Amino acid sequence: MSFGLYAMGFAILIGGLIYAAHLVHMPTHWIVVGAIVLLGLGILSGVKATRQKDPPE
């Protein structure tokens, strides 16, 4: 699975969660904090999932 596809899926997930938080009238600063945390988690898990293994020497 490529990193771009993984990142696009995670961005759609974050967008949906932001929209849901907006609908329940969550304060904007908490929505931004949550989005930044989720973005960081998405990058870390995306790199871990799509990383190439080092060949044995």
PDB file of N, CA and C in Angstrom:
ATOM      1  N   MET A   1       0.859  -1.177   0.000  1.00  0.00           N
ATOM      2  CA  MET A   1       0.000   0.000   0.000  1.00  0.00           C
ATOM      3  C   MET A   1       0.902   1.236   0.000  1.00  0.00           C
ATOM      4  N   SER A   2       0.632   2.190  -0.882  1.00  0.00           N
ATOM      5  CA  SER A   2       1.487   3.366  -0.962  1.00  0.00           C
ATOM      6  C   SER A   2       1.134   4.377   0.117  1.00  0.00           C
ATOM      7  N   PHE A   3       2.128   5.190   0.452  1.00  0.00           N
ATOM      8  CA  PHE A   3       1.939   6.189   1.501  1.00  0.00           C
ATOM      9  C   PHE A   3       0.893   7.230   1.087  1.00  0.00           C
ATOM     10  N   GLY A   4       0.860   7.585  -0.189  1.00  0.00           N
ATOM     11  CA  GLY A   4      -0.109   8.575  -0.662  1.00  0.00           C
ATOM     12  C   GLY A   4      -1.545   8.121  -0.463  1.00  0.00           C
ATOM     13  N   LEU A   5      -1.815   6.861  -0.770  1.00  0.00           N
ATOM     14  CA  LEU A   5      -3.156   6.311  -0.587  1.00  0.00           C
ATOM     15  C   LEU A   5      -3.518   6.261   0.897  1.00  0.00           C
ATOM     16  N   TYR A   6      -2.557   5.874   1.722  1.00  0.00           N
ATOM     17  CA  TYR A   6      -2.775   5.818   3.164  1.00  0.00           C
ATOM     18  C   TYR A   6      -3.063   7.223   3.707  1.00  0.00           C
ATOM     19  N   ALA A   7      -2.278   8.204   3.260  1.00  0.00           N
ATOM     20  CA  ALA A   7      -2.446   9.578   3.731  1.00  0.00           C
ATOM     21  C   ALA A   7      -3.786  10.155   3.275  1.00  0.00           C
ATOM     22  N   MET A   8      -4.208   9.842   2.068  1.00  0.00           N
ATOM     23  CA  MET A   8      -5.484  10.345   1.570  1.00  0.00           C
ATOM     24  C   MET A   8      -6.649   9.768   2.379  1.00  0.00           C
ATOM     25  N   GLY A   9      -6.599   8.509   2.689  1.00  0.00           N
ATOM     26  CA  GLY A   9      -7.639   7.891   3.510  1.00  0.00           C
ATOM     27  C   GLY A   9      -7.681   8.477   4.909  1.00  0.00           C
ATOM     28  N   PHE A  10      -6.515   8.720   5.479  1.00  0.00           N
ATOM     29  CA  PHE A  10      -6.465   9.291   6.819  1.00  0.00           C
ATOM     30  C   PHE A  10      -6.963  10.739   6.806  1.00  0.00           C
ATOM     31  N   ALA A  11      -6.675  11.479   5.717  1.00  0.00           N
ATOM     32  CA  ALA A  11      -7.163  12.853   5.606  1.00  0.00           C
ATOM     33  C   ALA A  11      -8.691  12.879   5.518  1.00  0.00           C
ATOM     34  N   ILE A  12      -9.279  11.932   4.815  1.00  0.00           N
ATOM     35  CA  ILE A  12     -10.743  11.850   4.734  1.00  0.00           C
ATOM     36  C   ILE A  12     -11.324  11.539   6.116  1.00  0.00           C
ATOM     37  N   LEU A  13     -10.673  10.647   6.849  1.00  0.00           N
ATOM     38  CA  LEU A  13     -11.119  10.329   8.204  1.00  0.00           C
ATOM     39  C   LEU A  13     -11.053  11.564   9.103  1.00  0.00           C
ATOM     40  N   ILE A  14      -9.953  12.295   9.052  1.00  0.00           N
ATOM     41  CA  ILE A  14      -9.811  13.504   9.865  1.00  0.00           C
ATOM     42  C   ILE A  14     -10.864  14.537   9.472  1.00  0.00           C
ATOM     43  N   GLY A  15     -11.108  14.684   8.178  1.00  0.00           N
ATOM     44  CA  GLY A  15     -12.135  15.626   7.726  1.00  0.00           C
ATOM     45  C   GLY A  15     -13.516  15.275   8.254  1.00  0.00           C
ATOM     46  N   GLY A  16     -13.842  14.001   8.250  1.00  0.00           N
ATOM     47  CA  GLY A  16     -15.132  13.565   8.787  1.00  0.00           C
ATOM     48  C   GLY A  16     -15.253  13.818  10.275  1.00  0.00           C
ATOM     49  N   LEU A  17     -14.177  13.575  11.012  1.00  0.00           N
ATOM     50  CA  LEU A  17     -14.201  13.829  12.447  1.00  0.00           C
ATOM     51  C   LEU A  17     -14.288  15.323  12.758  1.00  0.00           C
ATOM     52  N   ILE A  18     -13.620  16.147  11.959  1.00  0.00           N
ATOM     53  CA  ILE A  18     -13.723  17.601  12.134  1.00  0.00           C
ATOM     54  C   ILE A  18     -15.155  18.058  11.887  1.00  0.00           C
ATOM     55  N   TYR A  19     -15.771  17.541  10.844  1.00  0.00           N
ATOM     56  CA  TYR A  19     -17.152  17.918  10.539  1.00  0.00           C
ATOM     57  C   TYR A  19     -18.095  17.483  11.662  1.00  0.00           C
ATOM     58  N   ALA A  20     -17.904  16.274  12.174  1.00  0.00           N
ATOM     59  CA  ALA A  20     -18.751  15.789  13.273  1.00  0.00           C
ATOM     60  C   ALA A  20     -18.567  16.644  14.524  1.00  0.00           C
ATOM     61  N   ALA A  21     -17.323  17.025  14.824  1.00  0.00           N
ATOM     62  CA  ALA A  21     -17.069  17.877  15.992  1.00  0.00           C
ATOM     63  C   ALA A  21     -17.711  19.248  15.814  1.00  0.00           C
ATOM     64  N   HIS A  22     -17.697  19.749  14.590  1.00  0.00           N
ATOM     65  CA  HIS A  22     -18.349  21.041  14.311  1.00  0.00           C
ATOM     66  C   HIS A  22     -19.867  20.934  14.499  1.00  0.00           C
ATOM     67  N   LEU A  23     -20.446  19.819  14.093  1.00  0.00           N
ATOM     68  CA  LEU A  23     -21.888  19.639  14.221  1.00  0.00           C
ATOM     69  C   LEU A  23     -22.353  19.555  15.670  1.00  0.00           C
ATOM     70  N   VAL A  24     -21.489  19.068  16.565  1.00  0.00           N
ATOM     71  CA  VAL A  24     -21.866  18.992  17.975  1.00  0.00           C
ATOM     72  C   VAL A  24     -21.411  20.235  18.744  1.00  0.00           C
ATOM     73  N   HIS A  25     -21.021  21.273  17.996  1.00  0.00           N
ATOM     74  CA  HIS A  25     -20.661  22.585  18.554  1.00  0.00           C
ATOM     75  C   HIS A  25     -19.478  22.528  19.507  1.00  0.00           C
ATOM     76  N   MET A  26     -18.490  21.764  19.137  1.00  0.00           N
ATOM     77  CA  MET A  26     -17.255  21.698  19.910  1.00  0.00           C
ATOM     78  C   MET A  26     -16.464  22.982  19.657  1.00  0.00           C
ATOM     79  N   PRO A  27     -15.772  23.521  20.660  1.00  0.00           N
ATOM     80  CA  PRO A  27     -14.986  24.737  20.448  1.00  0.00           C
ATOM     81  C   PRO A  27     -13.912  24.541  19.376  1.00  0.00           C
ATOM     82  N   THR A  28     -13.702  25.570  18.574  1.00  0.00           N
ATOM     83  CA  THR A  28     -12.796  25.486  17.429  1.00  0.00           C
ATOM     84  C   THR A  28     -11.372  25.141  17.840  1.00  0.00           C
ATOM     85  N   HIS A  29     -10.896  25.707  18.936  1.00  0.00           N
ATOM     86  CA  HIS A  29      -9.509  25.431  19.318  1.00  0.00           C
ATOM     87  C   HIS A  29      -9.309  23.957  19.663  1.00  0.00           C
ATOM     88  N   TRP A  30     -10.309  23.279  20.191  1.00  0.00           N
ATOM     89  CA  TRP A  30     -10.178  21.851  20.472  1.00  0.00           C
ATOM     90  C   TRP A  30     -10.243  21.025  19.193  1.00  0.00           C
ATOM     91  N   ILE A  31     -11.006  21.494  18.216  1.00  0.00           N
ATOM     92  CA  ILE A  31     -11.046  20.811  16.922  1.00  0.00           C
ATOM     93  C   ILE A  31      -9.679  20.876  16.260  1.00  0.00           C
ATOM     94  N   VAL A  32      -9.041  22.047  16.329  1.00  0.00           N
ATOM     95  CA  VAL A  32      -7.712  22.211  15.729  1.00  0.00           C
ATOM     96  C   VAL A  32      -6.686  21.333  16.444  1.00  0.00           C
ATOM     97  N   VAL A  33      -6.716  21.312  17.772  1.00  0.00           N
ATOM     98  CA  VAL A  33      -5.785  20.474  18.534  1.00  0.00           C
ATOM     99  C   VAL A  33      -5.977  19.001  18.174  1.00  0.00           C
ATOM    100  N   GLY A  34      -7.212  18.541  18.118  1.00  0.00           N
ATOM    101  CA  GLY A  34      -7.479  17.155  17.754  1.00  0.00           C
ATOM    102  C   GLY A  34      -7.008  16.821  16.347  1.00  0.00           C
ATOM    103  N   ALA A  35      -7.214  17.752  15.418  1.00  0.00           N
ATOM    104  CA  ALA A  35      -6.785  17.510  14.037  1.00  0.00           C
ATOM    105  C   ALA A  35      -5.268  17.420  13.948  1.00  0.00           C
ATOM    106  N   ILE A  36      -4.547  18.255  14.693  1.00  0.00           N
ATOM    107  CA  ILE A  36      -3.081  18.209  14.669  1.00  0.00           C
ATOM    108  C   ILE A  36      -2.577  16.892  15.262  1.00  0.00           C
ATOM    109  N   VAL A  37      -3.177  16.460  16.351  1.00  0.00           N
ATOM    110  CA  VAL A  37      -2.765  15.197  16.972  1.00  0.00           C
ATOM    111  C   VAL A  37      -3.046  14.033  16.030  1.00  0.00           C
ATOM    112  N   LEU A  38      -4.231  14.011  15.418  1.00  0.00           N
ATOM    113  CA  LEU A  38      -4.561  12.933  14.487  1.00  0.00           C
ATOM    114  C   LEU A  38      -3.665  12.954  13.252  1.00  0.00           C
ATOM    115  N   LEU A  39      -3.299  14.139  12.788  1.00  0.00           N
ATOM    116  CA  LEU A  39      -2.394  14.245  11.648  1.00  0.00           C
ATOM    117  C   LEU A  39      -1.035  13.637  11.987  1.00  0.00           C
ATOM    118  N   GLY A  40      -0.526  13.934  13.166  1.00  0.00           N
ATOM    119  CA  GLY A  40       0.741  13.346  13.595  1.00  0.00           C
ATOM    120  C   GLY A  40       0.667  11.839  13.710  1.00  0.00           C
ATOM    121  N   LEU A  41      -0.418  11.335  14.300  1.00  0.00           N
ATOM    122  CA  LEU A  41      -0.593   9.889  14.404  1.00  0.00           C
ATOM    123  C   LEU A  41      -0.720   9.235  13.031  1.00  0.00           C
ATOM    124  N   GLY A  42      -1.396   9.920  12.121  1.00  0.00           N
ATOM    125  CA  GLY A  42      -1.546   9.388  10.770  1.00  0.00           C
ATOM    126  C   GLY A  42      -0.225   9.297  10.040  1.00  0.00           C
ATOM    127  N   ILE A  43       0.629  10.304  10.201  1.00  0.00           N
ATOM    128  CA  ILE A  43       1.937  10.271   9.548  1.00  0.00           C
ATOM    129  C   ILE A  43       2.793   9.148  10.133  1.00  0.00           C
ATOM    130  N   LEU A  44       2.800   9.041  11.456  1.00  0.00           N
ATOM    131  CA  LEU A  44       3.594   7.988  12.090  1.00  0.00           C
ATOM    132  C   LEU A  44       3.127   6.592  11.678  1.00  0.00           C
ATOM    133  N   SER A  45       1.828   6.353  11.698  1.00  0.00           N
ATOM    134  CA  SER A  45       1.338   5.028  11.335  1.00  0.00           C
ATOM    135  C   SER A  45       1.469   4.771   9.837  1.00  0.00           C
ATOM    136  N   GLY A  46       1.360   5.810   9.018  1.00  0.00           N
ATOM    137  CA  GLY A  46       1.528   5.640   7.580  1.00  0.00           C
ATOM    138  C   GLY A  46       2.950   5.278   7.206  1.00  0.00           C
ATOM    139  N   VAL A  47       3.901   5.932   7.836  1.00  0.00           N
ATOM    140  CA  VAL A  47       5.302   5.609   7.575  1.00  0.00           C
ATOM    141  C   VAL A  47       5.618   4.196   8.050  1.00  0.00           C
ATOM    142  N   LYS A  48       5.085   3.834   9.206  1.00  0.00           N
ATOM    143  CA  LYS A  48       5.334   2.490   9.740  1.00  0.00           C
ATOM    144  C   LYS A  48       4.728   1.418   8.836  1.00  0.00           C
ATOM    145  N   ALA A  49       3.533   1.668   8.305  1.00  0.00           N
ATOM    146  CA  ALA A  49       2.838   0.670   7.493  1.00  0.00           C
ATOM    147  C   ALA A  49       3.425   0.535   6.096  1.00  0.00           C
ATOM    148  N   THR A  50       4.004   1.616   5.539  1.00  0.00           N
ATOM    149  CA  THR A  50       4.459   1.577   4.154  1.00  0.00           C
ATOM    150  C   THR A  50       5.986   1.535   4.033  1.00  0.00           C
ATOM    151  N   ARG A  51       6.687   1.457   5.141  1.00  0.00           N
ATOM    152  CA  ARG A  51       8.150   1.457   5.141  1.00  0.00           C
ATOM    153  C   ARG A  51       8.673   0.177   4.525  1.00  0.00           C
ATOM    154  N   GLN A  52       9.708   0.324   3.719  1.00  0.00           N
ATOM    155  CA  GLN A  52      10.383  -0.853   3.127  1.00  0.00           C
ATOM    156  C   GLN A  52      11.324  -1.454   4.165  1.00  0.00           C
ATOM    157  N   LYS A  53      11.336  -2.752   4.240  1.00  0.00           N
ATOM    158  CA  LYS A  53      12.256  -3.441   5.135  1.00  0.00           C
ATOM    159  C   LYS A  53      13.666  -3.395   4.569  1.00  0.00           C
ATOM    160  N   ASP A  54      14.651  -3.259   5.437  1.00  0.00           N
ATOM    161  CA  ASP A  54      16.040  -3.272   4.992  1.00  0.00           C
ATOM    162  C   ASP A  54      16.426  -4.680   4.562  1.00  0.00           C
ATOM    163  N   PRO A  55      17.123  -4.802   3.424  1.00  0.00           N
ATOM    164  CA  PRO A  55      17.536  -6.155   2.978  1.00  0.00           C
ATOM    165  C   PRO A  55      18.635  -6.712   3.904  1.00  0.00           C
ATOM    166  N   PRO A  56      18.601  -8.006   4.155  1.00  0.00           N
ATOM    167  CA  PRO A  56      19.652  -8.590   5.006  1.00  0.00           C
ATOM    168  C   PRO A  56      21.007  -8.553   4.297  1.00  0.00           C
ATOM    169  N   GLU A  57      22.037  -8.347   5.068  1.00  0.00           N
ATOM    170  CA  GLU A  57      23.367  -8.267   4.478  1.00  0.00           C
ATOM    171  C   GLU A  57      24.105  -9.576   4.550  1.00  0.00           C
TER     172      GLU A  57
END
